């Protein structure tokens, strides 16, 4: 009985950690799809065949993740996203064409995870 009570006590923390992990992935996918391709002139044409419903699904999931990150968790997540953006901007400066080819592929792969 004690083991069951302990399990029930730990379950919310585990659930919270799982939702944080899932939301972290979702927010990174939003950046892959909506932000990083922004420096690529060919991105709109290369991604025009993507189903809008899939994009709305991703954005809806990202919106529901906002409540998961509060206080220090939110600041940590934002710092993580900012650091990745800086890293990506350095790659763009180095070789924009190669970055864009790679980024468009990553964006397409990320959006596919949200197809219904």
N, C-alpha and C. Protein backbone atom coordinates (compact mmCIF):
# COMPACT_ATOMS: atom_id res chain seq x y z
N UNK A 1 0.82 -1.18 0.00
CA UNK A 1 0.00 0.00 0.00
C UNK A 1 0.87 1.26 0.00
N UNK A 2 1.98 1.20 0.77
CA UNK A 2 2.87 2.35 0.81
C UNK A 2 3.49 2.62 -0.56
N UNK A 3 3.81 1.54 -1.28
CA UNK A 3 4.38 1.71 -2.62
C UNK A 3 3.38 2.39 -3.55
N UNK A 4 2.13 2.01 -3.45
CA UNK A 4 1.09 2.62 -4.27
C UNK A 4 0.96 4.09 -3.93
N UNK A 5 0.96 4.42 -2.65
CA UNK A 5 0.84 5.82 -2.23
C UNK A 5 2.04 6.64 -2.71
N UNK A 6 3.23 6.03 -2.64
CA UNK A 6 4.43 6.70 -3.12
C UNK A 6 4.34 6.93 -4.63
N UNK A 7 3.89 5.92 -5.34
CA UNK A 7 3.72 6.04 -6.79
C UNK A 7 2.73 7.15 -7.12
N UNK A 8 1.62 7.19 -6.43
CA UNK A 8 0.62 8.24 -6.67
C UNK A 8 1.16 9.61 -6.33
N UNK A 9 2.02 9.69 -5.34
CA UNK A 9 2.61 10.98 -4.97
C UNK A 9 3.60 11.47 -6.02
N UNK A 10 4.32 10.54 -6.64
CA UNK A 10 5.34 10.90 -7.62
C UNK A 10 4.75 11.12 -9.02
N UNK A 11 3.62 10.55 -9.29
CA UNK A 11 3.01 10.61 -10.61
C UNK A 11 2.81 12.03 -11.14
N UNK A 12 2.29 12.98 -10.36
CA UNK A 12 2.15 14.34 -10.91
C UNK A 12 3.49 14.95 -11.33
N UNK A 13 4.53 14.72 -10.56
CA UNK A 13 5.85 15.25 -10.92
C UNK A 13 6.34 14.61 -12.22
N UNK A 14 6.13 13.32 -12.36
CA UNK A 14 6.52 12.62 -13.59
C UNK A 14 5.72 13.16 -14.78
N UNK A 15 4.43 13.34 -14.58
CA UNK A 15 3.56 13.86 -15.63
C UNK A 15 4.00 15.26 -16.05
N UNK A 16 4.34 16.08 -15.07
CA UNK A 16 4.81 17.44 -15.34
C UNK A 16 6.11 17.41 -16.14
N UNK A 17 7.03 16.53 -15.75
CA UNK A 17 8.30 16.42 -16.46
C UNK A 17 8.07 15.94 -17.89
N UNK A 18 7.15 14.98 -18.07
CA UNK A 18 6.82 14.50 -19.41
C UNK A 18 6.25 15.63 -20.25
N UNK A 19 5.32 16.40 -19.69
CA UNK A 19 4.71 17.47 -20.47
C UNK A 19 5.73 18.56 -20.78
N UNK A 20 6.67 18.81 -19.86
CA UNK A 20 7.73 19.78 -20.15
C UNK A 20 8.60 19.29 -21.29
N UNK A 21 8.94 18.02 -21.26
CA UNK A 21 9.77 17.45 -22.31
C UNK A 21 9.05 17.50 -23.66
N UNK A 22 7.78 17.15 -23.67
CA UNK A 22 7.00 17.20 -24.92
C UNK A 22 6.89 18.64 -25.41
N UNK A 23 6.63 19.56 -24.50
CA UNK A 23 6.48 20.96 -24.90
C UNK A 23 7.80 21.54 -25.38
N UNK A 24 8.88 21.15 -24.79
CA UNK A 24 10.20 21.61 -25.25
C UNK A 24 10.38 21.21 -26.71
N UNK A 25 10.03 19.97 -27.05
CA UNK A 25 10.15 19.50 -28.43
C UNK A 25 9.22 20.28 -29.36
N UNK A 26 8.00 20.51 -28.91
CA UNK A 26 7.04 21.26 -29.72
C UNK A 26 7.55 22.67 -29.99
N UNK A 27 8.06 23.34 -28.97
CA UNK A 27 8.55 24.71 -29.15
C UNK A 27 9.77 24.74 -30.06
N UNK A 28 10.63 23.75 -29.97
CA UNK A 28 11.75 23.68 -30.91
C UNK A 28 11.25 23.46 -32.33
N UNK A 29 10.22 22.63 -32.49
CA UNK A 29 9.64 22.41 -33.81
C UNK A 29 9.03 23.68 -34.38
N UNK A 30 8.41 24.48 -33.54
CA UNK A 30 7.85 25.76 -34.00
C UNK A 30 8.98 26.63 -34.56
N UNK A 31 10.08 26.67 -33.85
CA UNK A 31 11.23 27.45 -34.33
C UNK A 31 11.74 26.90 -35.66
N UNK A 32 11.80 25.58 -35.77
CA UNK A 32 12.25 24.95 -37.02
C UNK A 32 11.37 25.34 -38.20
N UNK A 33 10.08 25.41 -37.96
CA UNK A 33 9.12 25.63 -39.04
C UNK A 33 8.85 27.11 -39.30
N UNK A 34 8.71 27.89 -38.23
CA UNK A 34 8.24 29.26 -38.38
C UNK A 34 9.34 30.33 -38.33
N UNK A 35 10.46 30.05 -37.69
CA UNK A 35 11.46 31.10 -37.49
C UNK A 35 12.71 30.89 -38.36
N UNK A 36 13.38 29.79 -38.19
CA UNK A 36 14.66 29.60 -38.86
C UNK A 36 14.59 29.68 -40.38
N UNK A 37 13.55 29.17 -41.04
CA UNK A 37 13.50 29.30 -42.50
C UNK A 37 13.31 30.75 -42.98
N UNK A 38 13.03 31.66 -42.06
CA UNK A 38 12.78 33.06 -42.42
C UNK A 38 13.92 33.74 -43.16
N UNK A 39 15.13 33.26 -43.01
CA UNK A 39 16.28 33.86 -43.69
C UNK A 39 16.52 33.24 -45.06
N UNK A 40 15.67 32.31 -45.44
CA UNK A 40 15.86 31.58 -46.69
C UNK A 40 14.89 32.09 -47.75
N UNK A 41 15.41 32.73 -48.78
CA UNK A 41 14.53 33.26 -49.83
C UNK A 41 13.66 32.20 -50.50
N UNK A 42 14.15 30.97 -50.59
CA UNK A 42 13.39 29.91 -51.28
C UNK A 42 12.41 29.20 -50.36
N UNK A 43 12.40 29.51 -49.08
CA UNK A 43 11.56 28.77 -48.13
C UNK A 43 10.07 28.81 -48.46
N UNK A 44 9.50 29.98 -48.77
CA UNK A 44 8.05 29.97 -49.05
C UNK A 44 7.67 29.03 -50.20
N UNK A 45 8.42 29.06 -51.27
CA UNK A 45 8.11 28.18 -52.41
C UNK A 45 8.36 26.72 -52.06
N UNK A 46 9.40 26.46 -51.30
CA UNK A 46 9.75 25.07 -50.96
C UNK A 46 8.77 24.45 -49.98
N UNK A 47 8.01 25.29 -49.28
CA UNK A 47 7.12 24.77 -48.26
C UNK A 47 5.64 25.06 -48.55
N UNK A 48 5.35 25.53 -49.75
CA UNK A 48 3.96 25.89 -50.05
C UNK A 48 3.01 24.71 -50.13
N UNK A 49 3.54 23.52 -50.32
CA UNK A 49 2.68 22.33 -50.41
C UNK A 49 2.33 21.75 -49.04
N UNK A 50 2.84 22.35 -47.97
CA UNK A 50 2.54 21.86 -46.63
C UNK A 50 1.10 22.20 -46.28
N UNK A 51 0.40 21.25 -45.76
CA UNK A 51 -0.99 21.39 -45.38
C UNK A 51 -1.14 22.40 -44.24
N UNK A 52 -1.98 23.42 -44.44
CA UNK A 52 -2.19 24.45 -43.42
C UNK A 52 -2.73 23.87 -42.13
N UNK A 53 -3.55 22.85 -42.23
CA UNK A 53 -4.11 22.23 -41.03
C UNK A 53 -3.00 21.65 -40.14
N UNK A 54 -1.96 21.14 -40.77
CA UNK A 54 -0.83 20.61 -40.02
C UNK A 54 -0.12 21.72 -39.26
N UNK A 55 0.06 22.85 -39.91
CA UNK A 55 0.69 24.01 -39.26
C UNK A 55 -0.18 24.49 -38.10
N UNK A 56 -1.49 24.56 -38.31
CA UNK A 56 -2.41 24.98 -37.24
C UNK A 56 -2.36 24.00 -36.07
N UNK A 57 -2.22 22.72 -36.36
CA UNK A 57 -2.10 21.71 -35.31
C UNK A 57 -0.85 21.98 -34.47
N UNK A 58 0.27 22.21 -35.14
CA UNK A 58 1.52 22.52 -34.43
C UNK A 58 1.36 23.78 -33.58
N UNK A 59 0.79 24.82 -34.16
CA UNK A 59 0.66 26.09 -33.42
C UNK A 59 -0.30 25.93 -32.24
N UNK A 60 -1.34 25.15 -32.40
CA UNK A 60 -2.27 24.90 -31.30
C UNK A 60 -1.60 24.18 -30.15
N UNK A 61 -0.76 23.21 -30.49
CA UNK A 61 -0.04 22.49 -29.44
C UNK A 61 0.96 23.41 -28.75
N UNK A 62 1.60 24.28 -29.51
CA UNK A 62 2.55 25.22 -28.92
C UNK A 62 1.84 26.18 -27.97
N UNK A 63 0.67 26.62 -28.38
CA UNK A 63 -0.11 27.53 -27.53
C UNK A 63 -0.47 26.86 -26.20
N UNK A 64 -0.85 25.60 -26.26
CA UNK A 64 -1.20 24.90 -25.03
C UNK A 64 0.02 24.64 -24.15
N UNK A 65 1.20 24.75 -24.70
CA UNK A 65 2.43 24.54 -23.93
C UNK A 65 2.82 25.77 -23.11
N UNK A 66 2.26 26.90 -23.41
CA UNK A 66 2.66 28.11 -22.70
C UNK A 66 2.46 27.99 -21.20
N UNK A 67 1.42 27.31 -20.76
CA UNK A 67 1.14 27.18 -19.34
C UNK A 67 2.12 26.23 -18.64
N UNK A 68 2.80 25.39 -19.41
CA UNK A 68 3.71 24.41 -18.83
C UNK A 68 4.97 25.09 -18.29
N UNK A 69 5.42 26.11 -18.98
CA UNK A 69 6.65 26.79 -18.58
C UNK A 69 6.29 28.09 -17.86
N UNK A 70 6.59 28.13 -16.59
CA UNK A 70 6.32 29.31 -15.78
C UNK A 70 7.57 29.70 -15.03
N UNK A 71 7.72 30.97 -14.70
CA UNK A 71 8.82 31.45 -13.88
C UNK A 71 10.18 31.09 -14.45
N UNK A 72 11.00 30.45 -13.62
CA UNK A 72 12.35 30.10 -14.04
C UNK A 72 12.35 29.11 -15.20
N UNK A 73 11.38 28.23 -15.23
CA UNK A 73 11.30 27.28 -16.35
C UNK A 73 11.09 28.02 -17.66
N UNK A 74 10.26 29.05 -17.65
CA UNK A 74 10.01 29.84 -18.86
C UNK A 74 11.29 30.55 -19.29
N UNK A 75 11.99 31.14 -18.33
CA UNK A 75 13.23 31.86 -18.64
C UNK A 75 14.29 30.90 -19.19
N UNK A 76 14.37 29.72 -18.61
CA UNK A 76 15.33 28.72 -19.07
C UNK A 76 15.00 28.27 -20.49
N UNK A 77 13.72 28.04 -20.76
CA UNK A 77 13.30 27.61 -22.09
C UNK A 77 13.58 28.71 -23.11
N UNK A 78 13.29 29.96 -22.75
CA UNK A 78 13.54 31.08 -23.66
C UNK A 78 15.04 31.22 -23.92
N UNK A 79 15.85 31.06 -22.90
CA UNK A 79 17.30 31.14 -23.08
C UNK A 79 17.80 30.03 -24.01
N UNK A 80 17.21 28.85 -23.87
CA UNK A 80 17.57 27.72 -24.74
C UNK A 80 17.23 28.03 -26.19
N UNK A 81 16.05 28.57 -26.43
CA UNK A 81 15.63 28.93 -27.79
C UNK A 81 16.50 30.06 -28.35
N UNK A 82 16.82 31.05 -27.51
CA UNK A 82 17.66 32.17 -27.94
C UNK A 82 19.06 31.68 -28.32
N UNK A 83 19.62 30.79 -27.51
CA UNK A 83 20.96 30.26 -27.80
C UNK A 83 20.97 29.51 -29.13
N UNK A 84 19.92 28.75 -29.38
CA UNK A 84 19.83 28.03 -30.65
C UNK A 84 19.70 29.01 -31.81
N UNK A 85 18.96 30.09 -31.63
CA UNK A 85 18.82 31.09 -32.68
C UNK A 85 20.15 31.76 -33.00
N UNK A 86 20.94 32.05 -31.99
CA UNK A 86 22.27 32.63 -32.20
C UNK A 86 23.15 31.65 -32.97
N UNK A 87 23.11 30.40 -32.57
CA UNK A 87 23.88 29.36 -33.25
C UNK A 87 23.49 29.28 -34.73
N UNK A 88 22.18 29.30 -34.98
CA UNK A 88 21.71 29.22 -36.36
C UNK A 88 22.12 30.46 -37.17
N UNK A 89 22.08 31.63 -36.54
CA UNK A 89 22.44 32.85 -37.28
C UNK A 89 23.92 32.81 -37.69
N UNK A 90 24.76 32.19 -36.87
CA UNK A 90 26.17 32.04 -37.24
C UNK A 90 26.32 31.11 -38.44
N UNK A 91 25.50 30.07 -38.48
CA UNK A 91 25.53 29.15 -39.62
C UNK A 91 25.09 29.86 -40.90
N UNK A 92 24.11 30.74 -40.78
CA UNK A 92 23.62 31.49 -41.94
C UNK A 92 24.74 32.38 -42.47
N UNK A 93 25.43 33.06 -41.57
CA UNK A 93 26.52 33.95 -41.99
C UNK A 93 27.63 33.18 -42.68
N UNK A 94 27.85 31.96 -42.25
CA UNK A 94 28.92 31.14 -42.80
C UNK A 94 28.58 30.69 -44.23
N UNK A 95 27.37 30.16 -44.42
CA UNK A 95 26.97 29.66 -45.73
C UNK A 95 25.45 29.59 -45.80
N UNK A 96 24.84 30.66 -46.25
CA UNK A 96 23.38 30.76 -46.25
C UNK A 96 22.74 29.69 -47.13
N UNK A 97 23.30 29.41 -48.27
CA UNK A 97 22.69 28.43 -49.18
C UNK A 97 22.65 27.04 -48.54
N UNK A 98 23.74 26.62 -47.96
CA UNK A 98 23.79 25.30 -47.31
C UNK A 98 22.85 25.27 -46.10
N UNK A 99 22.86 26.36 -45.34
CA UNK A 99 21.96 26.44 -44.18
C UNK A 99 20.51 26.29 -44.64
N UNK A 100 20.15 26.99 -45.68
CA UNK A 100 18.76 26.98 -46.14
C UNK A 100 18.34 25.61 -46.66
N UNK A 101 19.20 24.96 -47.40
CA UNK A 101 18.86 23.60 -47.87
C UNK A 101 18.58 22.69 -46.68
N UNK A 102 19.47 22.74 -45.72
CA UNK A 102 19.34 21.90 -44.53
C UNK A 102 18.13 22.30 -43.69
N UNK A 103 17.92 23.60 -43.53
CA UNK A 103 16.83 24.09 -42.69
C UNK A 103 15.47 23.78 -43.28
N UNK A 104 15.33 23.93 -44.56
CA UNK A 104 14.04 23.62 -45.20
C UNK A 104 13.72 22.14 -45.01
N UNK A 105 14.72 21.29 -45.13
CA UNK A 105 14.50 19.86 -44.90
C UNK A 105 14.09 19.60 -43.46
N UNK A 106 14.79 20.23 -42.50
CA UNK A 106 14.44 20.06 -41.08
C UNK A 106 13.03 20.57 -40.80
N UNK A 107 12.66 21.67 -41.41
CA UNK A 107 11.32 22.22 -41.20
C UNK A 107 10.26 21.27 -41.73
N UNK A 108 10.50 20.71 -42.90
CA UNK A 108 9.54 19.76 -43.48
C UNK A 108 9.41 18.51 -42.60
N UNK A 109 10.53 18.02 -42.07
CA UNK A 109 10.49 16.86 -41.18
C UNK A 109 9.74 17.18 -39.89
N UNK A 110 9.98 18.37 -39.35
CA UNK A 110 9.31 18.76 -38.10
C UNK A 110 7.80 18.85 -38.31
N UNK A 111 7.38 19.46 -39.39
CA UNK A 111 5.94 19.65 -39.61
C UNK A 111 5.24 18.32 -39.85
N UNK A 112 5.95 17.37 -40.42
CA UNK A 112 5.35 16.05 -40.67
C UNK A 112 4.93 15.36 -39.38
N UNK A 113 5.60 15.68 -38.28
CA UNK A 113 5.24 15.06 -37.00
C UNK A 113 3.87 15.50 -36.49
N UNK A 114 3.31 16.55 -37.09
CA UNK A 114 2.04 17.10 -36.61
C UNK A 114 0.90 16.86 -37.61
N UNK A 115 1.18 16.08 -38.63
CA UNK A 115 0.13 15.73 -39.59
C UNK A 115 -0.86 14.80 -38.92
N UNK A 116 -2.12 15.09 -39.06
CA UNK A 116 -3.18 14.28 -38.41
C UNK A 116 -3.45 13.01 -39.18
